[in-house]
């Protein structure tokens, strides 16, 4: 039970770090034009969703991850903070 809780906490830290890093990157790029590179995102994933139609139920699968430099830095900082505390 403790291992599952630790894994969930780590994943939560990583997602929050990426989110906050991305938000900070957008804010910095808005105020300082020379930092525009911080907000340029790179998409990884599917462009169109994968659809399975079974006549009774239709399943749609798709995922896209938008990475920028600040979200990666946020993930690194969140992992460091997780390990420290």
PDB file of N, CA and C in Angstrom:
ATOM      1  N   UNK A   1       0.811  -1.194   0.000  1.00  0.00           N
ATOM      2  CA  UNK A   1       0.000   0.000   0.000  1.00  0.00           C
ATOM      3  C   UNK A   1       0.857   1.262   0.000  1.00  0.00           C
ATOM      4  N   UNK A   2       1.979   1.228   0.747  1.00  0.00           N
ATOM      5  CA  UNK A   2       2.853   2.393   0.776  1.00  0.00           C
ATOM      6  C   UNK A   2       3.516   2.642  -0.573  1.00  0.00           C
ATOM      7  N   UNK A   3       3.872   1.583  -1.287  1.00  0.00           N
ATOM      8  CA  UNK A   3       4.518   1.745  -2.591  1.00  0.00           C
ATOM      9  C   UNK A   3       3.574   2.396  -3.587  1.00  0.00           C
ATOM     10  N   UNK A   4       2.312   2.021  -3.560  1.00  0.00           N
ATOM     11  CA  UNK A   4       1.329   2.629  -4.463  1.00  0.00           C
ATOM     12  C   UNK A   4       1.143   4.099  -4.136  1.00  0.00           C
ATOM     13  N   UNK A   5       1.132   4.432  -2.858  1.00  0.00           N
ATOM     14  CA  UNK A   5       0.976   5.826  -2.444  1.00  0.00           C
ATOM     15  C   UNK A   5       2.191   6.652  -2.865  1.00  0.00           C
ATOM     16  N   UNK A   6       3.392   6.080  -2.729  1.00  0.00           N
ATOM     17  CA  UNK A   6       4.600   6.791  -3.145  1.00  0.00           C
ATOM     18  C   UNK A   6       4.618   7.010  -4.655  1.00  0.00           C
ATOM     19  N   UNK A   7       4.202   6.004  -5.409  1.00  0.00           N
ATOM     20  CA  UNK A   7       4.156   6.132  -6.868  1.00  0.00           C
ATOM     21  C   UNK A   7       3.164   7.199  -7.285  1.00  0.00           C
ATOM     22  N   UNK A   8       1.994   7.200  -6.657  1.00  0.00           N
ATOM     23  CA  UNK A   8       0.984   8.212  -6.965  1.00  0.00           C
ATOM     24  C   UNK A   8       1.500   9.607  -6.627  1.00  0.00           C
ATOM     25  N   UNK A   9       2.178   9.741  -5.485  1.00  0.00           N
ATOM     26  CA  UNK A   9       2.726  11.042  -5.085  1.00  0.00           C
ATOM     27  C   UNK A   9       3.775  11.527  -6.086  1.00  0.00           C
ATOM     28  N   UNK A  10       4.632  10.629  -6.536  1.00  0.00           N
ATOM     29  CA  UNK A  10       5.656  11.006  -7.511  1.00  0.00           C
ATOM     30  C   UNK A  10       5.018  11.439  -8.823  1.00  0.00           C
ATOM     31  N   UNK A  11       4.037  10.700  -9.308  1.00  0.00           N
ATOM     32  CA  UNK A  11       3.358  11.082 -10.554  1.00  0.00           C
ATOM     33  C   UNK A  11       2.640  12.419 -10.411  1.00  0.00           C
ATOM     34  N   UNK A  12       2.038  12.653  -9.256  1.00  0.00           N
ATOM     35  CA  UNK A  12       1.377  13.927  -9.004  1.00  0.00           C
ATOM     36  C   UNK A  12       2.387  15.071  -9.001  1.00  0.00           C
ATOM     37  N   UNK A  13       3.541  14.875  -8.364  1.00  0.00           N
ATOM     38  CA  UNK A  13       4.591  15.883  -8.360  1.00  0.00           C
ATOM     39  C   UNK A  13       5.070  16.171  -9.781  1.00  0.00           C
ATOM     40  N   UNK A  14       5.253  15.136 -10.582  1.00  0.00           N
ATOM     41  CA  UNK A  14       5.736  15.320 -11.952  1.00  0.00           C
ATOM     42  C   UNK A  14       4.728  16.096 -12.790  1.00  0.00           C
ATOM     43  N   UNK A  15       3.456  15.737 -12.698  1.00  0.00           N
ATOM     44  CA  UNK A  15       2.422  16.438 -13.470  1.00  0.00           C
ATOM     45  C   UNK A  15       2.299  17.892 -13.030  1.00  0.00           C
ATOM     46  N   UNK A  16       2.311  18.122 -11.716  1.00  0.00           N
ATOM     47  CA  UNK A  16       2.231  19.502 -11.225  1.00  0.00           C
ATOM     48  C   UNK A  16       3.469  20.310 -11.609  1.00  0.00           C
ATOM     49  N   UNK A  17       4.637  19.686 -11.576  1.00  0.00           N
ATOM     50  CA  UNK A  17       5.858  20.373 -11.990  1.00  0.00           C
ATOM     51  C   UNK A  17       5.811  20.762 -13.454  1.00  0.00           C
ATOM     52  N   UNK A  18       5.322  19.868 -14.300  1.00  0.00           N
ATOM     53  CA  UNK A  18       5.198  20.182 -15.723  1.00  0.00           C
ATOM     54  C   UNK A  18       4.183  21.292 -15.952  1.00  0.00           C
ATOM     55  N   UNK A  19       3.082  21.244 -15.216  1.00  0.00           N
ATOM     56  CA  UNK A  19       2.043  22.262 -15.353  1.00  0.00           C
ATOM     57  C   UNK A  19       2.546  23.629 -14.918  1.00  0.00           C
ATOM     58  N   UNK A  20       3.147  23.699 -13.733  1.00  0.00           N
ATOM     59  CA  UNK A  20       3.653  24.975 -13.249  1.00  0.00           C
ATOM     60  C   UNK A  20       4.794  25.495 -14.113  1.00  0.00           C
ATOM     61  N   UNK A  21       5.657  24.610 -14.575  1.00  0.00           N
ATOM     62  CA  UNK A  21       6.739  25.027 -15.457  1.00  0.00           C
ATOM     63  C   UNK A  21       6.215  25.606 -16.756  1.00  0.00           C
ATOM     64  N   UNK A  22       5.210  24.988 -17.313  1.00  0.00           N
ATOM     65  CA  UNK A  22       4.609  25.485 -18.544  1.00  0.00           C
ATOM     66  C   UNK A  22       3.946  26.845 -18.335  1.00  0.00           C
ATOM     67  N   UNK A  23       3.246  26.997 -17.215  1.00  0.00           N
ATOM     68  CA  UNK A  23       2.602  28.281 -16.918  1.00  0.00           C
ATOM     69  C   UNK A  23       3.642  29.369 -16.726  1.00  0.00           C
ATOM     70  N   UNK A  24       4.702  29.080 -15.989  1.00  0.00           N
ATOM     71  CA  UNK A  24       5.761  30.067 -15.771  1.00  0.00           C
ATOM     72  C   UNK A  24       6.438  30.425 -17.088  1.00  0.00           C
ATOM     73  N   UNK A  25       6.654  29.442 -17.955  1.00  0.00           N
ATOM     74  CA  UNK A  25       7.243  29.709 -19.269  1.00  0.00           C
ATOM     75  C   UNK A  25       6.376  30.629 -20.110  1.00  0.00           C
ATOM     76  N   UNK A  26       5.063  30.408 -20.081  1.00  0.00           N
ATOM     77  CA  UNK A  26       4.142  31.273 -20.832  1.00  0.00           C
ATOM     78  C   UNK A  26       4.161  32.695 -20.286  1.00  0.00           C
ATOM     79  N   UNK A  27       4.190  32.833 -18.967  1.00  0.00           N
ATOM     80  CA  UNK A  27       4.212  34.163 -18.349  1.00  0.00           C
ATOM     81  C   UNK A  27       5.506  34.891 -18.697  1.00  0.00           C
ATOM     82  N   UNK A  28       6.638  34.202 -18.558  1.00  0.00           N
ATOM     83  CA  UNK A  28       7.921  34.832 -18.874  1.00  0.00           C
ATOM     84  C   UNK A  28       8.009  35.226 -20.347  1.00  0.00           C
ATOM     85  N   UNK A  29       7.514  34.382 -21.223  1.00  0.00           N
ATOM     86  CA  UNK A  29       7.556  34.687 -22.657  1.00  0.00           C
ATOM     87  C   UNK A  29       6.646  35.862 -22.993  1.00  0.00           C
ATOM     88  N   UNK A  30       5.576  36.049 -22.235  1.00  0.00           N
ATOM     89  CA  UNK A  30       4.680  37.172 -22.479  1.00  0.00           C
ATOM     90  C   UNK A  30       5.284  38.502 -22.069  1.00  0.00           C
ATOM     91  N   UNK A  31       6.067  38.500 -21.006  1.00  0.00           N
ATOM     92  CA  UNK A  31       6.647  39.743 -20.499  1.00  0.00           C
ATOM     93  C   UNK A  31       8.007  40.069 -21.111  1.00  0.00           C
ATOM     94  N   UNK A  32       8.779  39.052 -21.436  1.00  0.00           N
ATOM     95  CA  UNK A  32      10.122  39.264 -21.975  1.00  0.00           C
ATOM     96  C   UNK A  32      10.186  38.604 -23.352  1.00  0.00           C
ATOM     97  N   UNK A  33      10.150  39.413 -24.425  1.00  0.00           N
ATOM     98  CA  UNK A  33      10.107  38.834 -25.776  1.00  0.00           C
ATOM     99  C   UNK A  33      11.314  37.956 -26.130  1.00  0.00           C
ATOM    100  N   UNK A  34      12.468  38.214 -25.533  1.00  0.00           N
ATOM    101  CA  UNK A  34      13.644  37.404 -25.861  1.00  0.00           C
ATOM    102  C   UNK A  34      13.552  35.990 -25.285  1.00  0.00           C
ATOM    103  N   UNK A  35      12.620  35.756 -24.376  1.00  0.00           N
ATOM    104  CA  UNK A  35      12.427  34.421 -23.800  1.00  0.00           C
ATOM    105  C   UNK A  35      11.290  33.665 -24.468  1.00  0.00           C
ATOM    106  N   UNK A  36      10.960  34.026 -25.691  1.00  0.00           N
ATOM    107  CA  UNK A  36       9.877  33.376 -26.437  1.00  0.00           C
ATOM    108  C   UNK A  36      10.136  31.881 -26.639  1.00  0.00           C
ATOM    109  N   UNK A  37      11.399  31.482 -26.648  1.00  0.00           N
ATOM    110  CA  UNK A  37      11.753  30.078 -26.852  1.00  0.00           C
ATOM    111  C   UNK A  37      11.245  29.209 -25.691  1.00  0.00           C
ATOM    112  N   UNK A  38      11.036  29.812 -24.507  1.00  0.00           N
ATOM    113  CA  UNK A  38      10.557  29.055 -23.361  1.00  0.00           C
ATOM    114  C   UNK A  38       9.121  28.570 -23.536  1.00  0.00           C
ATOM    115  N   UNK A  39       8.361  29.257 -24.369  1.00  0.00           N
ATOM    116  CA  UNK A  39       6.954  28.879 -24.525  1.00  0.00           C
ATOM    117  C   UNK A  39       6.674  28.101 -25.808  1.00  0.00           C
ATOM    118  N   UNK A  40       7.672  27.896 -26.644  1.00  0.00           N
ATOM    119  CA  UNK A  40       7.426  27.129 -27.865  1.00  0.00           C
ATOM    120  C   UNK A  40       7.298  25.651 -27.504  1.00  0.00           C
ATOM    121  N   UNK A  41       6.160  25.075 -27.819  1.00  0.00           N
ATOM    122  CA  UNK A  41       5.848  23.702 -27.416  1.00  0.00           C
ATOM    123  C   UNK A  41       6.065  22.731 -28.571  1.00  0.00           C
ATOM    124  N   UNK A  42       6.447  21.535 -28.214  1.00  0.00           N
ATOM    125  CA  UNK A  42       6.640  20.453 -29.164  1.00  0.00           C
ATOM    126  C   UNK A  42       5.623  19.364 -28.834  1.00  0.00           C
ATOM    127  N   UNK A  43       4.833  18.970 -29.813  1.00  0.00           N
ATOM    128  CA  UNK A  43       3.768  17.994 -29.595  1.00  0.00           C
ATOM    129  C   UNK A  43       4.259  16.581 -29.863  1.00  0.00           C
ATOM    130  N   UNK A  44       3.913  15.690 -28.943  1.00  0.00           N
ATOM    131  CA  UNK A  44       4.219  14.273 -29.082  1.00  0.00           C
ATOM    132  C   UNK A  44       2.903  13.524 -28.920  1.00  0.00           C
ATOM    133  N   UNK A  45       2.548  12.696 -29.855  1.00  0.00           N
ATOM    134  CA  UNK A  45       1.317  11.926 -29.738  1.00  0.00           C
ATOM    135  C   UNK A  45       0.630  11.752 -31.076  1.00  0.00           C
ATOM    136  N   UNK A  46      -0.650  11.430 -31.006  1.00  0.00           N
ATOM    137  CA  UNK A  46      -1.419  11.202 -32.213  1.00  0.00           C
ATOM    138  C   UNK A  46      -2.133  12.479 -32.636  1.00  0.00           C
ATOM    139  N   UNK A  47      -2.174  12.719 -33.919  1.00  0.00           N
ATOM    140  CA  UNK A  47      -2.878  13.892 -34.426  1.00  0.00           C
ATOM    141  C   UNK A  47      -4.378  13.648 -34.493  1.00  0.00           C
ATOM    142  N   UNK A  48      -4.765  12.450 -34.871  1.00  0.00           N
ATOM    143  CA  UNK A  48      -6.183  12.091 -34.909  1.00  0.00           C
ATOM    144  C   UNK A  48      -6.418  10.945 -33.942  1.00  0.00           C
ATOM    145  N   UNK A  49      -7.544  10.933 -33.282  1.00  0.00           N
ATOM    146  CA  UNK A  49      -7.799   9.852 -32.324  1.00  0.00           C
ATOM    147  C   UNK A  49      -8.070   8.516 -33.022  1.00  0.00           C
ATOM    148  N   UNK A  50      -7.792   7.446 -32.327  1.00  0.00           N
ATOM    149  CA  UNK A  50      -8.035   6.090 -32.791  1.00  0.00           C
ATOM    150  C   UNK A  50      -9.425   5.686 -32.298  1.00  0.00           C
ATOM    151  N   UNK A  51     -10.334   5.375 -33.206  1.00  0.00           N
ATOM    152  CA  UNK A  51     -11.730   5.106 -32.852  1.00  0.00           C
ATOM    153  C   UNK A  51     -12.068   3.640 -33.140  1.00  0.00           C
ATOM    154  N   UNK A  52     -12.665   2.995 -32.149  1.00  0.00           N
ATOM    155  CA  UNK A  52     -13.173   1.636 -32.303  1.00  0.00           C
ATOM    156  C   UNK A  52     -14.683   1.707 -32.134  1.00  0.00           C
ATOM    157  N   UNK A  53     -15.417   1.375 -33.209  1.00  0.00           N
ATOM    158  CA  UNK A  53     -16.880   1.403 -33.157  1.00  0.00           C
ATOM    159  C   UNK A  53     -17.383  -0.032 -33.071  1.00  0.00           C
ATOM    160  N   UNK A  54     -18.004  -0.378 -31.952  1.00  0.00           N
ATOM    161  CA  UNK A  54     -18.504  -1.728 -31.726  1.00  0.00           C
ATOM    162  C   UNK A  54     -20.025  -1.810 -31.840  1.00  0.00           C
ATOM    163  N   UNK A  55     -20.616  -0.852 -32.467  1.00  0.00           N
ATOM    164  CA  UNK A  55     -22.069  -0.741 -32.683  1.00  0.00           C
ATOM    165  C   UNK A  55     -22.835  -0.432 -31.399  1.00  0.00           C
ATOM    166  N   UNK A  56     -22.427  -0.994 -30.292  1.00  0.00           N
ATOM    167  CA  UNK A  56     -23.089  -0.724 -29.018  1.00  0.00           C
ATOM    168  C   UNK A  56     -22.381   0.415 -28.292  1.00  0.00           C
ATOM    169  N   UNK A  57     -21.075   0.432 -28.415  1.00  0.00           N
ATOM    170  CA  UNK A  57     -20.257   1.441 -27.752  1.00  0.00           C
ATOM    171  C   UNK A  57     -19.122   1.826 -28.696  1.00  0.00           C
ATOM    172  N   UNK A  58     -18.779   3.084 -28.671  1.00  0.00           N
ATOM    173  CA  UNK A  58     -17.656   3.557 -29.477  1.00  0.00           C
ATOM    174  C   UNK A  58     -16.552   4.017 -28.528  1.00  0.00           C
ATOM    175  N   UNK A  59     -15.356   3.507 -28.732  1.00  0.00           N
ATOM    176  CA  UNK A  59     -14.205   3.862 -27.909  1.00  0.00           C
ATOM    177  C   UNK A  59     -13.280   4.767 -28.713  1.00  0.00           C
ATOM    178  N   UNK A  60     -12.845   5.828 -28.095  1.00  0.00           N
ATOM    179  CA  UNK A  60     -11.938   6.761 -28.741  1.00  0.00           C
ATOM    180  C   UNK A  60     -10.667   6.861 -27.906  1.00  0.00           C
ATOM    181  N   UNK A  61      -9.533   6.615 -28.537  1.00  0.00           N
ATOM    182  CA  UNK A  61      -8.243   6.687 -27.865  1.00  0.00           C
ATOM    183  C   UNK A  61      -7.384   7.738 -28.547  1.00  0.00           C
ATOM    184  N   UNK A  62      -6.722   8.521 -27.750  1.00  0.00           N
ATOM    185  CA  UNK A  62      -5.800   9.511 -28.286  1.00  0.00           C
ATOM    186  C   UNK A  62      -5.092  10.220 -27.159  1.00  0.00           C
ATOM    187  N   UNK A  63      -3.872  10.623 -27.416  1.00  0.00           N
ATOM    188  CA  UNK A  63      -3.121  11.335 -26.399  1.00  0.00           C
ATOM    189  C   UNK A  63      -2.088  12.215 -27.080  1.00  0.00           C
ATOM    190  N   UNK A  64      -1.969  13.422 -26.593  1.00  0.00           N
ATOM    191  CA  UNK A  64      -0.960  14.345 -27.083  1.00  0.00           C
ATOM    192  C   UNK A  64      -0.298  15.007 -25.885  1.00  0.00           C
ATOM    193  N   UNK A  65       1.003  15.046 -25.898  1.00  0.00           N
ATOM    194  CA  UNK A  65       1.765  15.708 -24.844  1.00  0.00           C
ATOM    195  C   UNK A  65       2.473  16.889 -25.486  1.00  0.00           C
ATOM    196  N   UNK A  66       2.263  18.065 -24.924  1.00  0.00           N
ATOM    197  CA  UNK A  66       2.925  19.278 -25.406  1.00  0.00           C
ATOM    198  C   UNK A  66       4.042  19.638 -24.436  1.00  0.00           C
ATOM    199  N   UNK A  67       5.269  19.502 -24.889  1.00  0.00           N
ATOM    200  CA  UNK A  67       6.429  19.785 -24.053  1.00  0.00           C
ATOM    201  C   UNK A  67       7.071  21.097 -24.465  1.00  0.00           C
ATOM    202  N   UNK A  68       7.495  21.866 -23.481  1.00  0.00           N
ATOM    203  CA  UNK A  68       8.354  23.008 -23.742  1.00  0.00           C
ATOM    204  C   UNK A  68       9.503  22.969 -22.732  1.00  0.00           C
ATOM    205  N   UNK A  69      10.436  23.856 -22.884  1.00  0.00           N
ATOM    206  CA  UNK A  69      11.639  23.820 -22.053  1.00  0.00           C
ATOM    207  C   UNK A  69      11.300  23.999 -20.577  1.00  0.00           C
ATOM    208  N   UNK A  70      10.406  24.926 -20.277  1.00  0.00           N
ATOM    209  CA  UNK A  70      10.072  25.188 -18.888  1.00  0.00           C
ATOM    210  C   UNK A  70       9.307  24.028 -18.240  1.00  0.00           C
ATOM    211  N   UNK A  71       8.510  23.298 -18.998  1.00  0.00           N
ATOM    212  CA  UNK A  71       7.826  22.145 -18.407  1.00  0.00           C
ATOM    213  C   UNK A  71       8.826  21.046 -18.067  1.00  0.00           C
ATOM    214  N   UNK A  72       9.854  20.887 -18.878  1.00  0.00           N
ATOM    215  CA  UNK A  72      10.902  19.907 -18.581  1.00  0.00           C
ATOM    216  C   UNK A  72      11.677  20.327 -17.335  1.00  0.00           C
ATOM    217  N   UNK A  73      11.987  21.620 -17.231  1.00  0.00           N
ATOM    218  CA  UNK A  73      12.664  22.127 -16.033  1.00  0.00           C
ATOM    219  C   UNK A  73      11.767  21.943 -14.808  1.00  0.00           C
ATOM    220  N   UNK A  74      10.477  22.179 -14.962  1.00  0.00           N
ATOM    221  CA  UNK A  74       9.536  21.973 -13.861  1.00  0.00           C
ATOM    222  C   UNK A  74       9.497  20.522 -13.399  1.00  0.00           C
ATOM    223  N   UNK A  75       9.553  19.585 -14.341  1.00  0.00           N
ATOM    224  CA  UNK A  75       9.574  18.161 -13.990  1.00  0.00           C
ATOM    225  C   UNK A  75      10.853  17.831 -13.222  1.00  0.00           C
ATOM    226  N   UNK A  76      11.981  18.339 -13.668  1.00  0.00           N
ATOM    227  CA  UNK A  76      13.256  18.078 -12.994  1.00  0.00           C
ATOM    228  C   UNK A  76      13.238  18.637 -11.579  1.00  0.00           C
ATOM    229  N   UNK A  77      12.748  19.872 -11.411  1.00  0.00           N
ATOM    230  CA  UNK A  77      12.676  20.491 -10.087  1.00  0.00           C
ATOM    231  C   UNK A  77      11.719  19.712  -9.193  1.00  0.00           C
ATOM    232  N   UNK A  78      10.597  19.258  -9.737  1.00  0.00           N
ATOM    233  CA  UNK A  78       9.648  18.507  -8.914  1.00  0.00           C
ATOM    234  C   UNK A  78      10.226  17.168  -8.460  1.00  0.00           C
ATOM    235  N   UNK A  79      10.987  16.504  -9.305  1.00  0.00           N
ATOM    236  CA  UNK A  79      11.624  15.251  -8.900  1.00  0.00           C
ATOM    237  C   UNK A  79      12.656  15.499  -7.816  1.00  0.00           C
ATOM    238  N   UNK A  80      13.428  16.576  -7.943  1.00  0.00           N
ATOM    239  CA  UNK A  80      14.419  16.924  -6.915  1.00  0.00           C
ATOM    240  C   UNK A  80      13.717  17.215  -5.592  1.00  0.00           C
ATOM    241  N   UNK A  81      12.627  17.999  -5.644  1.00  0.00           N
ATOM    242  CA  UNK A  81      11.888  18.305  -4.418  1.00  0.00           C
ATOM    243  C   UNK A  81      11.265  17.051  -3.806  1.00  0.00           C
ATOM    244  N   UNK A  82      10.770  16.156  -4.634  1.00  0.00           N
ATOM    245  CA  UNK A  82      10.185  14.905  -4.136  1.00  0.00           C
ATOM    246  C   UNK A  82      11.221  14.075  -3.399  1.00  0.00           C
ATOM    247  N   UNK A  83      12.399  13.954  -3.974  1.00  0.00           N
ATOM    248  CA  UNK A  83      13.438  13.146  -3.352  1.00  0.00           C
ATOM    249  C   UNK A  83      13.981  13.796  -2.081  1.00  0.00           C
ATOM    250  N   UNK A  84      13.966  15.135  -2.039  1.00  0.00           N
ATOM    251  CA  UNK A  84      14.478  15.848  -0.873  1.00  0.00           C
ATOM    252  C   UNK A  84      13.533  15.705   0.312  1.00  0.00           C
ATOM    253  N   UNK A  85      12.239  15.755   0.052  1.00  0.00           N
ATOM    254  CA  UNK A  85      11.260  15.678   1.144  1.00  0.00           C
ATOM    255  C   UNK A  85      10.590  14.344   1.105  1.00  0.00           C
TER     256      UNK A  85
END
